[in-house]
Protein backbone atom coordinates (compact mmCIF):
# COMPACT_ATOMS: atom_id res chain seq x y z
CA UNK A 1 -36.84 64.31 45.30
CA UNK A 2 -34.42 62.15 43.32
CA UNK A 3 -31.33 63.56 45.02
CA UNK A 4 -30.74 64.88 48.49
CA UNK A 5 -30.67 68.65 48.81
CA UNK A 6 -29.35 69.98 52.08
CA UNK A 7 -29.49 73.01 54.32
CA UNK A 8 -25.96 73.62 55.57
CA UNK A 9 -26.40 76.56 57.92
CA UNK A 10 -28.56 79.61 58.48
CA UNK A 11 -28.71 82.96 60.22
CA UNK A 12 -31.13 85.80 60.75
CA UNK A 13 -31.16 89.30 62.14
CA UNK A 14 -33.13 90.24 65.22
CA UNK A 15 -36.69 91.06 64.24
CA UNK A 16 -37.19 94.74 65.09
CA UNK A 17 -40.69 96.06 65.67
CA UNK A 18 -41.87 99.05 63.67
CA UNK A 19 -42.52 102.07 65.86
CA UNK A 20 -44.45 104.25 63.40
CA UNK A 21 -41.30 105.67 61.82
CA UNK A 22 -38.51 104.35 59.59
CA UNK A 23 -36.40 101.78 61.42
CA UNK A 24 -32.62 101.97 61.76
CA UNK A 25 -31.90 99.57 58.88
CA UNK A 26 -32.89 99.40 55.23
CA UNK A 27 -33.84 95.97 53.92
CA UNK A 28 -30.52 95.63 52.11
CA UNK A 29 -28.67 96.49 55.34
CA UNK A 30 -30.47 93.72 57.21
CA UNK A 31 -29.89 91.13 54.50
CA UNK A 32 -26.25 92.13 53.96
CA UNK A 33 -25.28 91.97 57.63
CA UNK A 34 -26.91 88.57 58.10
CA UNK A 35 -25.34 87.24 54.87
CA UNK A 36 -21.84 88.39 55.82
CA UNK A 37 -22.08 86.80 59.27
CA UNK A 38 -23.34 83.54 57.77
CA UNK A 39 -20.83 83.35 54.93
CA UNK A 40 -17.77 84.16 57.02
CA UNK A 41 -18.18 80.92 58.99
CA UNK A 42 -18.46 78.64 55.94
CA UNK A 43 -15.83 76.32 54.42
CA UNK A 44 -16.26 78.00 51.04
CA UNK A 45 -15.69 81.51 49.77
CA UNK A 46 -18.70 83.73 48.94
CA UNK A 47 -17.51 83.72 45.33
CA UNK A 48 -17.99 79.92 45.27
CA UNK A 49 -21.77 80.36 45.38
CA UNK A 50 -23.65 79.61 42.19
CA UNK A 51 -26.35 82.16 42.93
CA UNK A 52 -28.01 84.30 45.59
CA UNK A 53 -31.82 84.29 45.80
CA UNK A 54 -33.59 86.73 48.09
CA UNK A 55 -37.30 87.00 48.79
CA UNK A 56 -38.64 90.50 49.42
CA UNK A 57 -42.20 91.77 49.29
CA UNK A 58 -41.52 95.50 49.57
CA UNK A 59 -38.05 96.56 48.41
CA UNK A 60 -37.42 100.29 48.38
CA UNK A 61 -37.06 102.08 45.04
CA UNK A 62 -33.26 102.05 45.28
CA UNK A 63 -33.19 98.28 46.00
CA UNK A 64 -35.35 97.02 43.15
CA UNK A 65 -33.42 93.79 42.49
CA UNK A 66 -32.41 93.57 46.11
CA UNK A 67 -31.01 90.05 45.67
CA UNK A 68 -28.30 91.38 43.38
CA UNK A 69 -27.66 94.41 45.59
CA UNK A 70 -27.08 92.22 48.64
CA UNK A 71 -25.00 89.64 46.74
CA UNK A 72 -22.58 92.38 45.71
CA UNK A 73 -22.50 94.03 49.14
CA UNK A 74 -21.95 90.67 50.86
CA UNK A 75 -18.80 90.03 48.83
CA UNK A 76 -20.07 87.37 46.43
CA UNK A 77 -18.30 89.02 43.52
CA UNK A 78 -19.43 90.22 40.13
CA UNK A 79 -19.93 86.76 38.61
CA UNK A 80 -22.39 85.31 41.16
CA UNK A 81 -25.94 86.07 39.94
CA UNK A 82 -28.29 87.61 42.48
CA UNK A 83 -32.02 87.80 41.98
CA UNK A 84 -35.21 88.52 43.84
CA UNK A 85 -38.43 86.52 44.29
CA UNK A 86 -41.78 87.69 45.60
CA UNK A 87 -44.61 85.45 46.83
CA UNK A 88 -45.96 87.82 49.47
CA UNK A 89 -45.65 86.28 52.95
CA UNK A 90 -43.81 83.23 51.60
CA UNK A 91 -41.13 85.07 49.63
CA UNK A 92 -38.44 83.70 51.94
CA UNK A 93 -39.72 80.15 51.47
CA UNK A 94 -39.98 80.68 47.72
CA UNK A 95 -36.27 81.57 47.60
CA UNK A 96 -35.42 78.19 49.15
CA UNK A 97 -37.77 76.36 46.80
CA UNK A 98 -36.25 78.19 43.83
CA UNK A 99 -32.80 77.09 45.00
CA UNK A 100 -34.03 73.50 45.23
CA UNK A 101 -35.45 73.63 41.71
CA UNK A 102 -32.26 75.06 40.23
CA UNK A 103 -30.18 72.40 41.97
CA UNK A 104 -32.51 69.67 40.68
CA UNK A 105 -32.20 71.15 37.17
CA UNK A 106 -28.41 71.03 37.38
CA UNK A 107 -27.97 74.80 37.11
CA UNK A 108 -26.67 75.27 40.66
CA UNK A 109 -25.02 73.34 43.45
CA UNK A 110 -24.51 75.93 46.17
CA UNK A 111 -27.07 78.68 46.81
CA UNK A 112 -27.58 81.39 49.40
CA UNK A 113 -31.35 81.70 49.79
CA UNK A 114 -33.29 83.94 52.15
CA UNK A 115 -35.80 86.69 52.70
CA UNK A 116 -35.97 90.22 54.03
CA UNK A 117 -38.27 93.18 54.52
CA UNK A 118 -38.03 96.50 56.32
CA UNK A 119 -41.74 97.18 56.67
CA UNK A 120 -41.15 100.24 58.84
CA UNK A 121 -39.75 101.88 55.71
CA UNK A 122 -42.79 101.25 53.53
CA UNK A 123 -43.36 104.64 51.88
CA UNK A 124 -46.15 107.18 52.17
CA UNK A 125 -47.52 107.93 48.69
CA UNK A 126 -49.29 110.82 47.04
CA UNK A 127 -52.94 110.26 46.13
CA UNK A 128 -53.95 110.09 42.47
CA UNK A 129 -55.52 113.53 42.86
CA UNK A 130 -52.24 115.01 44.08
CA UNK A 131 -50.24 113.28 41.36
CA UNK A 132 -52.65 114.63 38.75
CA UNK A 133 -52.39 118.15 40.17
CA UNK A 134 -48.58 118.00 40.18
CA UNK A 135 -48.56 116.72 36.59
CA UNK A 136 -50.65 119.68 35.52
CA UNK A 137 -48.42 122.05 37.53
CA UNK A 138 -45.25 120.88 35.81
CA UNK A 139 -46.96 121.02 32.41
CA UNK A 140 -48.20 124.59 32.95
CA UNK A 141 -46.28 127.14 30.88
CA UNK A 142 -47.73 130.46 31.95
CA UNK A 143 -48.32 132.35 35.17
CA UNK A 144 -52.04 132.31 34.48
CA UNK A 145 -52.16 128.55 34.11
CA UNK A 146 -50.34 128.09 37.41
CA UNK A 147 -52.54 130.62 39.16
CA UNK A 148 -55.60 128.66 38.02
CA UNK A 149 -54.10 125.47 39.37
CA UNK A 150 -53.38 127.10 42.75
CA UNK A 151 -57.06 128.08 42.95
CA UNK A 152 -58.07 124.44 42.31
CA UNK A 153 -55.71 122.98 44.92
CA UNK A 154 -57.33 121.28 47.92
CA UNK A 155 -55.62 120.48 51.22
CA UNK A 156 -57.11 116.99 51.01
CA UNK A 157 -54.73 116.28 48.13
CA UNK A 158 -51.91 116.17 50.71
CA UNK A 159 -53.42 113.29 52.67
CA UNK A 160 -50.85 110.46 52.32
CA UNK A 161 -51.65 107.02 50.98
CA UNK A 162 -50.12 104.41 53.30
CA UNK A 163 -48.38 101.96 50.97
CA UNK A 164 -48.30 99.23 53.60
CA UNK A 165 -52.08 99.30 53.98
CA UNK A 166 -52.49 99.04 50.22
CA UNK A 167 -50.05 96.15 50.15
CA UNK A 168 -51.95 94.33 52.89
CA UNK A 169 -55.27 94.71 51.06
CA UNK A 170 -56.19 91.95 48.63
CA UNK A 171 -57.07 93.47 45.23
CA UNK A 172 -59.37 90.58 44.30
CA UNK A 173 -61.61 90.31 47.35
CA UNK A 174 -60.93 93.86 48.57
CA UNK A 175 -60.21 92.76 52.13
CA UNK A 176 -57.37 93.64 54.45
CA UNK A 177 -55.51 90.56 55.64
CA UNK A 178 -56.98 91.05 59.11
CA UNK A 179 -60.47 90.99 57.64
CA UNK A 180 -59.74 87.59 56.12
CA UNK A 181 -58.82 86.47 59.65
CA UNK A 182 -62.20 87.73 60.83
CA UNK A 183 -63.78 85.53 58.14
CA UNK A 184 -62.02 82.48 59.57
CA UNK A 185 -62.97 83.36 63.13
CA UNK A 186 -66.63 83.50 62.07
CA UNK A 187 -66.43 80.31 59.99
CA UNK A 188 -64.84 78.21 62.74
CA UNK A 189 -66.47 79.87 65.75
CA UNK A 190 -63.22 81.19 67.22
CA UNK A 191 -63.84 83.46 70.18
CA UNK A 192 -61.98 86.60 71.20
CA UNK A 193 -60.77 84.89 74.37
CA UNK A 194 -59.30 82.02 72.35
CA UNK A 195 -57.42 84.46 70.10
CA UNK A 196 -56.04 86.42 73.04
CA UNK A 197 -55.03 83.25 74.89
CA UNK A 198 -53.14 82.05 71.80
CA UNK A 199 -51.40 85.42 71.43
CA UNK A 200 -50.43 85.47 75.11
CA UNK A 201 -48.98 81.98 74.73
CA UNK A 202 -46.88 83.15 71.79
CA UNK A 203 -45.36 85.90 73.94
CA UNK A 204 -44.75 83.50 76.85
CA UNK A 205 -43.04 80.99 74.60
CA UNK A 206 -40.79 83.59 72.96
CA UNK A 207 -39.79 84.97 76.35
CA UNK A 208 -38.98 81.47 77.59
CA UNK A 209 -37.02 80.72 74.42
CA UNK A 210 -35.02 83.93 74.77
CA UNK A 211 -34.22 83.13 78.39
CA UNK A 212 -33.12 79.61 77.45
CA UNK A 213 -31.01 80.84 74.52
CA UNK A 214 -33.02 78.99 71.89
CA UNK A 215 -32.57 81.77 69.32
CA UNK A 216 -28.87 82.32 69.98
CA UNK A 217 -27.56 80.04 67.24
CA UNK A 218 -29.58 81.73 64.50
CA UNK A 219 -29.31 85.39 65.55
CA UNK A 220 -26.78 87.88 64.15
CA UNK A 221 -26.46 91.04 66.29
CA UNK A 222 -26.72 94.35 64.44
CA UNK A 223 -25.12 97.75 65.01
CA UNK A 224 -26.58 100.92 63.55
CA UNK A 225 -24.55 103.90 62.36
CA UNK A 226 -24.55 105.38 65.86
CA UNK A 227 -23.07 102.21 67.32
CA UNK A 228 -26.27 101.08 69.02
CA UNK A 229 -26.54 97.32 69.43
CA UNK A 230 -29.61 95.32 68.42
CA UNK A 231 -29.03 91.84 69.80
CA UNK A 232 -32.50 90.35 70.23
CA UNK A 233 -36.02 90.36 68.83
CA UNK A 234 -37.68 93.36 70.45
CA UNK A 235 -41.40 92.93 69.78
CA UNK A 236 -42.08 90.44 72.57
CA UNK A 237 -43.75 91.80 75.71
CA UNK A 238 -43.98 90.26 79.16
CA UNK A 239 -47.21 92.18 79.81
CA UNK A 240 -49.01 90.67 76.81
CA UNK A 241 -51.21 88.49 78.98
CA UNK A 242 -54.65 87.33 77.95
CA UNK A 243 -56.14 89.79 80.44
CA UNK A 244 -54.25 92.76 79.02
CA UNK A 245 -54.84 91.73 75.43
CA UNK A 246 -58.58 91.56 76.13
CA UNK A 247 -58.55 95.35 76.69
CA UNK A 248 -57.56 96.13 73.09
CA UNK A 249 -60.20 97.18 70.61
CA UNK A 250 -60.82 95.29 67.36
CA UNK A 251 -58.89 96.85 64.50
CA UNK A 252 -60.19 95.36 61.26
CA UNK A 253 -63.90 95.19 62.07
CA UNK A 254 -64.41 97.76 64.79
CA UNK A 255 -68.11 97.02 65.34
CA UNK A 256 -68.38 93.23 65.24
CA UNK A 257 -64.80 91.94 65.01
CA UNK A 258 -62.39 90.25 67.42
CA UNK A 259 -59.06 90.53 65.60
CA UNK A 260 -56.88 93.16 67.30
CA UNK A 261 -53.34 94.43 66.95
CA UNK A 262 -52.53 92.26 69.98
CA UNK A 263 -53.65 88.94 68.50
CA UNK A 264 -52.14 89.72 65.08
CA UNK A 265 -48.54 89.55 63.89
CA UNK A 266 -46.47 92.69 64.31
CA UNK A 267 -45.19 95.00 61.57
CA UNK A 268 -41.49 94.29 61.71
CA UNK A 269 -38.09 94.61 60.01
CA UNK A 270 -35.85 91.56 59.62
CA UNK A 271 -33.89 89.27 57.36
CA UNK A 272 -32.97 85.57 57.29
CA UNK A 273 -30.79 83.26 55.17
CA UNK A 274 -29.96 79.58 54.67
CA UNK A 275 -27.25 77.92 52.62
CA UNK A 276 -28.72 75.28 50.29
CA UNK A 277 -26.42 72.68 48.74
CA UNK A 278 -26.44 69.60 46.54
CA UNK A 279 -24.68 66.37 47.46
CA UNK A 280 -21.92 67.38 45.05
CA UNK A 281 -21.35 70.69 46.83
CA UNK A 282 -21.33 68.96 50.21
CA UNK A 283 -18.55 66.64 49.04
CA UNK A 284 -16.62 69.31 47.15
CA UNK A 285 -16.47 71.78 50.03
CA UNK A 286 -16.48 69.36 52.97
CA UNK A 287 -19.76 70.72 54.32
CA UNK A 288 -21.75 69.39 57.28
CA UNK A 289 -25.50 69.64 56.62
CA UNK A 290 -27.96 70.38 59.40
CA UNK A 291 -31.04 69.36 57.45
CA UNK A 292 -32.42 67.85 54.27
CA UNK A 293 -35.28 69.35 52.27
CA UNK A 294 -37.61 66.39 51.78
CA UNK A 295 -40.63 67.92 50.04
CA UNK A 296 -42.44 71.19 49.37
CA UNK A 297 -45.83 72.28 48.11
CA UNK A 298 -47.70 75.41 47.01
CA UNK A 299 -51.48 75.64 47.08
CA UNK A 300 -54.22 78.05 46.07
CA UNK A 301 -57.53 78.84 47.77
CA UNK A 302 -60.09 81.61 48.16
CA UNK A 303 -58.26 84.89 48.88
CA UNK A 304 -60.93 85.74 51.47
CA UNK A 305 -59.92 82.56 53.36
CA UNK A 306 -56.18 82.90 52.76
CA UNK A 307 -55.23 82.00 56.34
CA UNK A 308 -56.03 78.35 55.67
CA UNK A 309 -53.15 78.15 53.20
CA UNK A 310 -50.97 76.00 55.52
CA UNK A 311 -53.67 73.30 55.55
CA UNK A 312 -53.89 73.18 51.76
CA UNK A 313 -50.11 73.14 51.28
CA UNK A 314 -49.02 70.80 54.08
CA UNK A 315 -51.74 68.17 53.53
CA UNK A 316 -50.52 67.02 50.07
CA UNK A 317 -46.99 66.64 51.48
CA UNK A 318 -48.27 64.49 54.35
CA UNK A 319 -50.21 62.31 51.94
CA UNK A 320 -47.27 61.90 49.54
CA UNK A 321 -44.96 60.98 52.39
CA UNK A 322 -47.60 58.78 54.08
CA UNK A 323 -47.45 60.76 57.30
CA UNK A 324 -50.02 61.80 59.89
CA UNK A 325 -50.00 65.21 61.58
CA UNK A 326 -48.25 63.95 64.69
CA UNK A 327 -45.75 61.74 62.88
CA UNK A 328 -43.78 64.98 62.66
CA UNK A 329 -41.68 66.08 65.63
CA UNK A 330 -42.06 69.83 65.11
CA UNK A 331 -44.41 72.24 63.36
CA UNK A 332 -43.86 75.89 62.54
CA UNK A 333 -47.02 77.57 61.25
CA UNK A 334 -46.43 81.27 60.75
CA UNK A 335 -48.64 83.25 63.09
CA UNK A 336 -50.09 85.88 60.80
CA UNK A 337 -53.08 86.01 63.15
CA UNK A 338 -54.09 83.95 66.16
CA UNK A 339 -57.45 83.25 64.49
CA UNK A 340 -55.68 82.01 61.38
CA UNK A 341 -53.54 79.38 63.15
CA UNK A 342 -56.49 78.22 65.26
CA UNK A 343 -58.58 77.97 62.08
CA UNK A 344 -55.94 75.73 60.50
CA UNK A 345 -56.07 73.43 63.52
CA UNK A 346 -59.88 73.30 63.36
CA UNK A 347 -59.89 72.64 59.63
CA UNK A 348 -57.69 69.57 60.08
CA UNK A 349 -59.93 68.42 62.96
CA UNK A 350 -63.12 68.87 60.91
CA UNK A 351 -64.62 65.91 59.05
CA UNK A 352 -66.60 68.27 56.84
CA UNK A 353 -63.67 70.51 55.92
CA UNK A 354 -61.34 67.61 55.20
CA UNK A 355 -63.93 65.90 53.03
CA UNK A 356 -65.26 68.90 51.09
CA UNK A 357 -62.12 71.06 50.80
CA UNK A 358 -59.28 68.53 50.89
CA UNK A 359 -60.88 65.46 49.34
CA UNK A 360 -60.07 63.27 52.32
CA UNK A 361 -62.25 60.55 53.82
CA UNK A 362 -62.41 62.37 57.16
CA UNK A 363 -60.66 64.57 59.67
CA UNK A 364 -56.88 64.42 59.92
CA UNK A 365 -56.86 65.12 63.64
CA UNK A 366 -55.18 67.63 65.92
CA UNK A 367 -51.52 68.72 66.07
CA UNK A 368 -50.00 68.10 69.48
CA UNK A 369 -49.72 71.57 71.04
CA UNK A 370 -46.30 70.61 72.41
CA UNK A 371 -45.06 70.36 68.80
CA UNK A 372 -46.57 73.55 67.36
CA UNK A 373 -44.60 76.81 67.47
CA UNK A 374 -42.86 75.67 70.63
CA UNK A 375 -40.78 78.87 70.82
CA UNK A 376 -43.64 81.20 69.90
CA UNK A 377 -44.17 82.87 66.57
CA UNK A 378 -44.88 85.99 64.60
CA UNK A 379 -47.45 87.40 67.02
CA UNK A 380 -44.59 87.98 69.47
CA UNK A 381 -41.60 87.96 67.11
CA UNK A 382 -43.08 89.90 64.22
CA UNK A 383 -43.68 89.14 60.56
CA UNK A 384 -41.27 90.89 58.18
CA UNK A 385 -43.20 89.59 55.20
CA UNK A 386 -40.30 88.60 52.96
CA UNK A 387 -38.28 86.98 55.77
CA UNK A 388 -40.81 84.85 57.65
CA UNK A 389 -40.75 81.89 55.27
CA UNK A 390 -37.00 81.52 55.72
CA UNK A 391 -37.21 82.05 59.47
CA UNK A 392 -39.67 79.23 60.08
CA UNK A 393 -37.63 76.79 57.95
CA UNK A 394 -34.48 77.71 59.86
CA UNK A 395 -36.18 77.53 63.24
CA UNK A 396 -37.88 74.19 62.68
CA UNK A 397 -34.38 72.80 62.20
CA UNK A 398 -33.27 74.39 65.48
CA UNK A 399 -36.21 72.78 67.29
CA UNK A 400 -35.41 69.38 65.76
CA UNK A 401 -31.77 69.71 66.81
CA UNK A 402 -32.66 70.68 70.35
CA UNK A 403 -35.30 68.00 70.83
CA UNK A 404 -33.47 65.29 68.90
CA UNK A 405 -36.43 65.17 66.52
CA UNK A 406 -36.30 63.81 63.00
CA UNK A 407 -38.89 65.58 60.83
CA UNK A 408 -40.55 68.98 60.91
CA UNK A 409 -42.92 71.05 58.78
CA UNK A 410 -42.75 74.78 58.10
CA UNK A 411 -46.03 76.15 56.72
CA UNK A 412 -47.26 79.64 55.95
CA UNK A 413 -50.38 81.42 54.73
CA UNK A 414 -49.92 83.86 51.87
CA UNK A 415 -51.88 86.95 50.93
CA UNK A 416 -53.78 86.44 47.70
CA UNK A 417 -55.16 83.04 48.69
CA UNK A 418 -52.06 80.83 48.72
CA UNK A 419 -50.29 78.48 51.07
CA UNK A 420 -46.76 77.14 51.23
CA UNK A 421 -45.20 74.25 53.14
CA UNK A 422 -41.81 72.59 53.36
CA UNK A 423 -40.95 69.25 54.99
CA UNK A 424 -37.51 69.21 56.58
CA UNK A 425 -35.53 66.29 57.97
CA UNK A 426 -32.73 66.74 60.47
CA UNK A 427 -29.38 65.32 59.38
């Protein structure tokens, strides 16, 4: 990048696990509360922003351009444009990258960029058969026509279509995201015990991080309309040990599979933001950056192998910057599935994969486990699809601050056969 582009500050809501019913907050509520808390502590007014960019994979029908909705509700004024981006699981990272590109183009200097999703509020839909029957019902003009339609009605028409399941199914390869994780487990020989051990570690690390206060700086407590407080991520479980996780049945391939609800990321509601600024904005407003965005990359691959996206996105950055895997001080790889993160590690450690898929002379090696997702990840925290890309960028900066590290990578797999990665440097 020809000029330095900085992250000034960031905040996120607690990630709240879906409990098979609509959660207490709409996506715009989550994003608005986090934005207000973040903006109120800045040296500039919300109306000084050049734009607000919000990633969201599943906005509700009354929040279609949710970026604009939240910009207005957060007090940014009528003149600050707000817009929405969608790159599935990396929507929150795409918002930051879009801010970077607009700053580089000279269109913006100060941007609020983030991501949000309230997956618990994903709707139940009518089937095509029910929609067709209703269309005919409303078009009927006589009693006889309606009586005939009543005779044709079938109770099966009322069976709901779960929008979230449709959204998590790839339309090209026809696989649920968890089935693509099963593909990776088979390809790299990842056992059920390895998946469960990884998932248990994620829970242990989140619990330890909560106890040590490692999320405190980024979390914004929420209150619902009844005054109930939501102060912490609530999906983590102390009883998610490898032994207990081993008791769960496979979910995506019930006969031969090993991917379960326990070694997969949770369906969750949450939002996250960062303030992105140019050097000019830093000087103009007297800002103190916490990080610099050094590089970013998007990559495409087979949708049936989508979990390897972090490998394909992070590797070009490492090569451009002449870095090895462990030259970085911290890694955040979003934990869509335990099998998926393990597969990424094995791909980098494989001579064959690095040669045939990445065009490298040989294996890149192994990430030091003490640098990878040191405070746990989405298996224990949850994966509100639109928010996760922003969360891992924000948290890699927190890890660098705490450990006095210099450089960190945030990387994420993306439904549809994509990967995203962002190299961050602590200031």
